[in-house]
């Protein structure tokens, strides 16, 4: 896996990231975290319209190796989520962060 880290992302120590574009924040997990988790088999995310606070779980990811809560680096309201990633979480190993993967 290419562990390229785009310059416009900010990370928590737990490997979640945020990309800010105006008032819109895109959240995800780093390529390093995806690589360490191995084959991802399940992904859960908050529903559109739900509120979250800094360091609150916005979902969870499960692999053959581990299950981890995803912690939010920002507060806000969910306005969208990656439905295609929910339907096929194994795609996170193949799609770079700048394309909406991880």
C-alpha atoms as a PDB file:
ATOM      1  CA  UNK A   1       0.000   0.000   0.000  1.00  0.00           C
ATOM      2  CA  UNK A   2       1.264   3.472  -0.872  1.00  0.00           C
ATOM      3  CA  UNK A   3       1.463   5.389   2.425  1.00  0.00           C
ATOM      4  CA  UNK A   4       1.225   8.827   0.807  1.00  0.00           C
ATOM      5  CA  UNK A   5      -0.043  11.498   3.218  1.00  0.00           C
ATOM      6  CA  UNK A   6      -1.701  14.518   1.561  1.00  0.00           C
ATOM      7  CA  UNK A   7      -0.608  17.902   2.956  1.00  0.00           C
ATOM      8  CA  UNK A   8      -4.171  19.116   3.560  1.00  0.00           C
ATOM      9  CA  UNK A   9      -4.992  16.469   6.186  1.00  0.00           C
ATOM     10  CA  UNK A  10      -4.609  16.823   9.967  1.00  0.00           C
ATOM     11  CA  UNK A  11      -4.330  13.703  12.136  1.00  0.00           C
ATOM     12  CA  UNK A  12      -5.163  12.525  15.641  1.00  0.00           C
ATOM     13  CA  UNK A  13      -2.604  10.297  17.391  1.00  0.00           C
ATOM     14  CA  UNK A  14      -5.128   7.466  16.890  1.00  0.00           C
ATOM     15  CA  UNK A  15      -4.784   7.862  13.064  1.00  0.00           C
ATOM     16  CA  UNK A  16      -8.115   9.477  12.207  1.00  0.00           C
ATOM     17  CA  UNK A  17      -7.839  12.474   9.886  1.00  0.00           C
ATOM     18  CA  UNK A  18      -9.778  15.591   9.019  1.00  0.00           C
ATOM     19  CA  UNK A  19      -9.714  17.608   5.798  1.00  0.00           C
ATOM     20  CA  UNK A  20     -11.255  21.075   6.138  1.00  0.00           C
ATOM     21  CA  UNK A  21     -12.809  22.789   3.125  1.00  0.00           C
ATOM     22  CA  UNK A  22     -14.541  25.931   4.382  1.00  0.00           C
ATOM     23  CA  UNK A  23     -17.121  24.770   6.919  1.00  0.00           C
ATOM     24  CA  UNK A  24     -17.079  21.169   5.627  1.00  0.00           C
ATOM     25  CA  UNK A  25     -14.871  18.596   7.364  1.00  0.00           C
ATOM     26  CA  UNK A  26     -14.177  15.209   5.819  1.00  0.00           C
ATOM     27  CA  UNK A  27     -13.186  12.506   8.324  1.00  0.00           C
ATOM     28  CA  UNK A  28     -11.420   9.212   7.745  1.00  0.00           C
ATOM     29  CA  UNK A  29      -8.599   6.961   8.892  1.00  0.00           C
ATOM     30  CA  UNK A  30      -5.005   7.109   7.746  1.00  0.00           C
ATOM     31  CA  UNK A  31      -3.461   4.765   5.211  1.00  0.00           C
ATOM     32  CA  UNK A  32      -1.131   3.601   7.995  1.00  0.00           C
ATOM     33  CA  UNK A  33      -4.118   2.563  10.164  1.00  0.00           C
ATOM     34  CA  UNK A  34      -5.728   0.735   7.242  1.00  0.00           C
ATOM     35  CA  UNK A  35      -2.444  -1.041   6.541  1.00  0.00           C
ATOM     36  CA  UNK A  36      -2.082  -2.064  10.202  1.00  0.00           C
ATOM     37  CA  UNK A  37      -5.680  -3.295  10.447  1.00  0.00           C
ATOM     38  CA  UNK A  38      -5.302  -5.617   7.487  1.00  0.00           C
ATOM     39  CA  UNK A  39      -8.402  -6.909   5.735  1.00  0.00           C
ATOM     40  CA  UNK A  40     -11.302  -4.674   6.762  1.00  0.00           C
ATOM     41  CA  UNK A  41     -14.549  -6.628   6.973  1.00  0.00           C
ATOM     42  CA  UNK A  42     -16.985  -4.178   8.611  1.00  0.00           C
ATOM     43  CA  UNK A  43     -17.447  -0.423   8.798  1.00  0.00           C
ATOM     44  CA  UNK A  44     -20.068   1.480  10.777  1.00  0.00           C
ATOM     45  CA  UNK A  45     -20.599   5.266  10.574  1.00  0.00           C
ATOM     46  CA  UNK A  46     -22.987   7.748  12.177  1.00  0.00           C
ATOM     47  CA  UNK A  47     -26.187   8.474  10.254  1.00  0.00           C
ATOM     48  CA  UNK A  48     -26.684  11.714   8.319  1.00  0.00           C
ATOM     49  CA  UNK A  49     -28.113  14.352  10.688  1.00  0.00           C
ATOM     50  CA  UNK A  50     -26.406  12.985  13.803  1.00  0.00           C
ATOM     51  CA  UNK A  51     -24.233  15.319  15.878  1.00  0.00           C
ATOM     52  CA  UNK A  52     -20.767  14.536  17.131  1.00  0.00           C
ATOM     53  CA  UNK A  53     -18.204  16.149  19.410  1.00  0.00           C
ATOM     54  CA  UNK A  54     -14.428  16.174  19.427  1.00  0.00           C
ATOM     55  CA  UNK A  55     -13.040  12.751  20.399  1.00  0.00           C
ATOM     56  CA  UNK A  56     -16.524  11.165  20.252  1.00  0.00           C
ATOM     57  CA  UNK A  57     -16.868   7.996  18.181  1.00  0.00           C
ATOM     58  CA  UNK A  58     -18.205   8.639  14.682  1.00  0.00           C
ATOM     59  CA  UNK A  59     -18.178   4.937  13.871  1.00  0.00           C
ATOM     60  CA  UNK A  60     -16.130   1.773  14.057  1.00  0.00           C
ATOM     61  CA  UNK A  61     -13.971  -0.364  11.810  1.00  0.00           C
ATOM     62  CA  UNK A  62     -13.426  -4.095  12.140  1.00  0.00           C
ATOM     63  CA  UNK A  63     -10.820  -6.322  10.562  1.00  0.00           C
ATOM     64  CA  UNK A  64      -9.622  -9.874  11.066  1.00  0.00           C
ATOM     65  CA  UNK A  65      -7.049  -8.416  13.496  1.00  0.00           C
ATOM     66  CA  UNK A  66      -8.999  -5.853  15.544  1.00  0.00           C
ATOM     67  CA  UNK A  67     -12.080  -3.714  16.047  1.00  0.00           C
ATOM     68  CA  UNK A  68     -11.550  -0.005  16.663  1.00  0.00           C
ATOM     69  CA  UNK A  69     -13.752   3.001  17.393  1.00  0.00           C
ATOM     70  CA  UNK A  70     -13.223   5.958  15.060  1.00  0.00           C
ATOM     71  CA  UNK A  71     -12.751   9.198  17.026  1.00  0.00           C
ATOM     72  CA  UNK A  72     -13.749  12.562  15.614  1.00  0.00           C
ATOM     73  CA  UNK A  73     -11.114  15.319  15.462  1.00  0.00           C
ATOM     74  CA  UNK A  74     -13.906  17.950  15.200  1.00  0.00           C
ATOM     75  CA  UNK A  75     -17.427  18.720  16.405  1.00  0.00           C
ATOM     76  CA  UNK A  76     -20.323  19.070  13.986  1.00  0.00           C
ATOM     77  CA  UNK A  77     -23.273  17.431  12.280  1.00  0.00           C
ATOM     78  CA  UNK A  78     -22.990  14.606   9.760  1.00  0.00           C
ATOM     79  CA  UNK A  79     -24.157  15.907   6.360  1.00  0.00           C
ATOM     80  CA  UNK A  80     -22.991  12.971   4.222  1.00  0.00           C
ATOM     81  CA  UNK A  81     -21.238   9.632   4.533  1.00  0.00           C
ATOM     82  CA  UNK A  82     -19.497   7.287   2.129  1.00  0.00           C
ATOM     83  CA  UNK A  83     -22.238   4.735   1.433  1.00  0.00           C
ATOM     84  CA  UNK A  84     -20.093   2.835  -1.073  1.00  0.00           C
ATOM     85  CA  UNK A  85     -17.445   2.281   1.611  1.00  0.00           C
ATOM     86  CA  UNK A  86     -20.130   1.010   4.008  1.00  0.00           C
ATOM     87  CA  UNK A  87     -21.333  -1.452   1.377  1.00  0.00           C
ATOM     88  CA  UNK A  88     -17.811  -2.691   0.584  1.00  0.00           C
ATOM     89  CA  UNK A  89     -15.397  -1.800   3.425  1.00  0.00           C
ATOM     90  CA  UNK A  90     -12.636  -3.902   1.881  1.00  0.00           C
ATOM     91  CA  UNK A  91     -12.297  -1.126  -0.736  1.00  0.00           C
ATOM     92  CA  UNK A  92     -10.502   1.032   1.855  1.00  0.00           C
ATOM     93  CA  UNK A  93      -7.280  -0.880   1.152  1.00  0.00           C
ATOM     94  CA  UNK A  94      -7.411   0.050  -2.536  1.00  0.00           C
ATOM     95  CA  UNK A  95      -8.597   3.661  -2.656  1.00  0.00           C
ATOM     96  CA  UNK A  96      -6.201   6.504  -1.741  1.00  0.00           C
ATOM     97  CA  UNK A  97      -7.251   9.063   0.879  1.00  0.00           C
ATOM     98  CA  UNK A  98      -7.506  11.861  -1.686  1.00  0.00           C
ATOM     99  CA  UNK A  99     -10.193   9.835  -3.539  1.00  0.00           C
ATOM    100  CA  UNK A 100     -12.389   9.264  -0.461  1.00  0.00           C
ATOM    101  CA  UNK A 101     -10.884   5.969   0.666  1.00  0.00           C
ATOM    102  CA  UNK A 102      -9.496   5.145   4.066  1.00  0.00           C
END
